[in-house]
């Protein structure tokens, strides 16, 4: 069974039945949407999603600047290959 990365979860059927109620009950917490007891998606409130993107962008800018300041350049092809390896969808890898 896959790990559910939220303290709240809801089935797709329940979400379809009453999306407003699910969002209202979740408040500021993420909600795992389950399909056959496996995570199919996560719902996030807009402010949480925006904060997450800002943090990712800030971390990326910091890492890029550190790379620029620390030494030799990395070929773009090598960087994209590394990113594809690191963040590839596990379902598409099989």
Protein backbone atom coordinates (compact mmCIF):
# COMPACT_ATOMS: atom_id res chain seq x y z
CA UNK A 1 0.00 0.00 0.00
CA UNK A 2 1.25 3.48 -0.86
CA UNK A 3 1.93 6.00 1.88
CA UNK A 4 -0.78 8.64 2.33
CA UNK A 5 0.87 12.02 2.86
CA UNK A 6 -2.06 13.74 4.59
CA UNK A 7 -3.87 13.34 7.89
CA UNK A 8 -7.24 13.63 6.14
CA UNK A 9 -8.47 11.43 3.33
CA UNK A 10 -11.60 11.02 1.28
CA UNK A 11 -12.73 8.61 -1.42
CA UNK A 12 -13.34 9.86 -4.93
CA UNK A 13 -17.00 8.86 -4.52
CA UNK A 14 -17.34 10.93 -1.36
CA UNK A 15 -15.59 13.88 -3.00
CA UNK A 16 -17.98 13.72 -5.98
CA UNK A 17 -20.96 13.49 -3.64
CA UNK A 18 -20.12 16.63 -1.67
CA UNK A 19 -16.98 18.53 -2.70
CA UNK A 20 -17.96 21.64 -0.72
CA UNK A 21 -18.34 19.65 2.49
CA UNK A 22 -14.95 17.98 2.01
CA UNK A 23 -13.23 21.32 1.49
CA UNK A 24 -15.06 22.91 4.42
CA UNK A 25 -14.14 20.07 6.79
CA UNK A 26 -10.51 20.12 5.67
CA UNK A 27 -9.97 23.78 6.52
CA UNK A 28 -6.28 24.52 5.90
CA UNK A 29 -5.23 20.87 5.87
CA UNK A 30 -4.35 18.86 2.75
CA UNK A 31 -6.73 16.05 1.83
CA UNK A 32 -5.68 12.80 0.16
CA UNK A 33 -8.19 11.67 -2.46
CA UNK A 34 -8.22 7.87 -2.52
CA UNK A 35 -9.14 5.53 -5.33
CA UNK A 36 -9.35 1.90 -4.18
CA UNK A 37 -7.54 2.93 -0.95
CA UNK A 38 -4.59 4.36 -2.87
CA UNK A 39 -3.76 8.05 -3.17
CA UNK A 40 -4.98 9.38 -6.52
CA UNK A 41 -4.60 13.11 -5.78
CA UNK A 42 -4.18 15.66 -3.04
CA UNK A 43 -6.36 18.71 -2.45
CA UNK A 44 -4.67 21.81 -1.07
CA UNK A 45 -6.17 25.15 -0.12
CA UNK A 46 -4.99 27.91 -2.48
CA UNK A 47 -2.88 29.68 0.16
CA UNK A 48 -1.04 26.45 1.00
CA UNK A 49 -0.36 25.73 -2.68
CA UNK A 50 0.90 29.30 -3.25
CA UNK A 51 3.21 29.08 -0.21
CA UNK A 52 4.54 25.73 -1.43
CA UNK A 53 5.33 27.17 -4.88
CA UNK A 54 7.01 30.23 -3.36
CA UNK A 55 9.17 27.97 -1.18
CA UNK A 56 10.11 25.74 -4.13
CA UNK A 57 11.00 28.77 -6.24
CA UNK A 58 13.08 30.30 -3.44
CA UNK A 59 14.94 27.02 -2.90
CA UNK A 60 15.53 26.63 -6.63
CA UNK A 61 16.88 30.18 -6.95
CA UNK A 62 19.18 29.57 -3.95
CA UNK A 63 20.46 26.27 -5.40
CA UNK A 64 21.07 27.86 -8.80
CA UNK A 65 22.98 30.75 -7.23
CA UNK A 66 25.06 28.37 -5.11
CA UNK A 67 25.86 26.37 -8.25
CA UNK A 68 26.90 29.52 -10.09
CA UNK A 69 29.05 30.65 -7.17
CA UNK A 70 30.63 27.28 -6.45
CA UNK A 71 32.35 26.25 -9.61
CA UNK A 72 32.19 24.74 -13.05
CA UNK A 73 29.05 24.93 -15.09
CA UNK A 74 26.92 21.87 -15.60
CA UNK A 75 25.74 21.08 -19.10
CA UNK A 76 22.02 21.65 -19.52
CA UNK A 77 21.54 18.11 -20.86
CA UNK A 78 23.14 16.68 -17.72
CA UNK A 79 20.96 18.84 -15.47
CA UNK A 80 17.75 17.82 -17.25
CA UNK A 81 18.79 14.15 -17.18
CA UNK A 82 19.38 14.43 -13.42
CA UNK A 83 16.02 16.14 -12.86
CA UNK A 84 14.22 13.52 -14.97
CA UNK A 85 15.87 10.73 -12.99
CA UNK A 86 15.13 12.36 -9.64
CA UNK A 87 11.53 13.40 -10.29
CA UNK A 88 10.30 10.89 -12.85
CA UNK A 89 6.81 9.52 -12.34
CA UNK A 90 7.31 6.03 -10.85
CA UNK A 91 4.29 4.76 -12.79
CA UNK A 92 5.86 5.76 -16.11
CA UNK A 93 9.22 4.17 -15.23
CA UNK A 94 7.82 0.64 -15.41
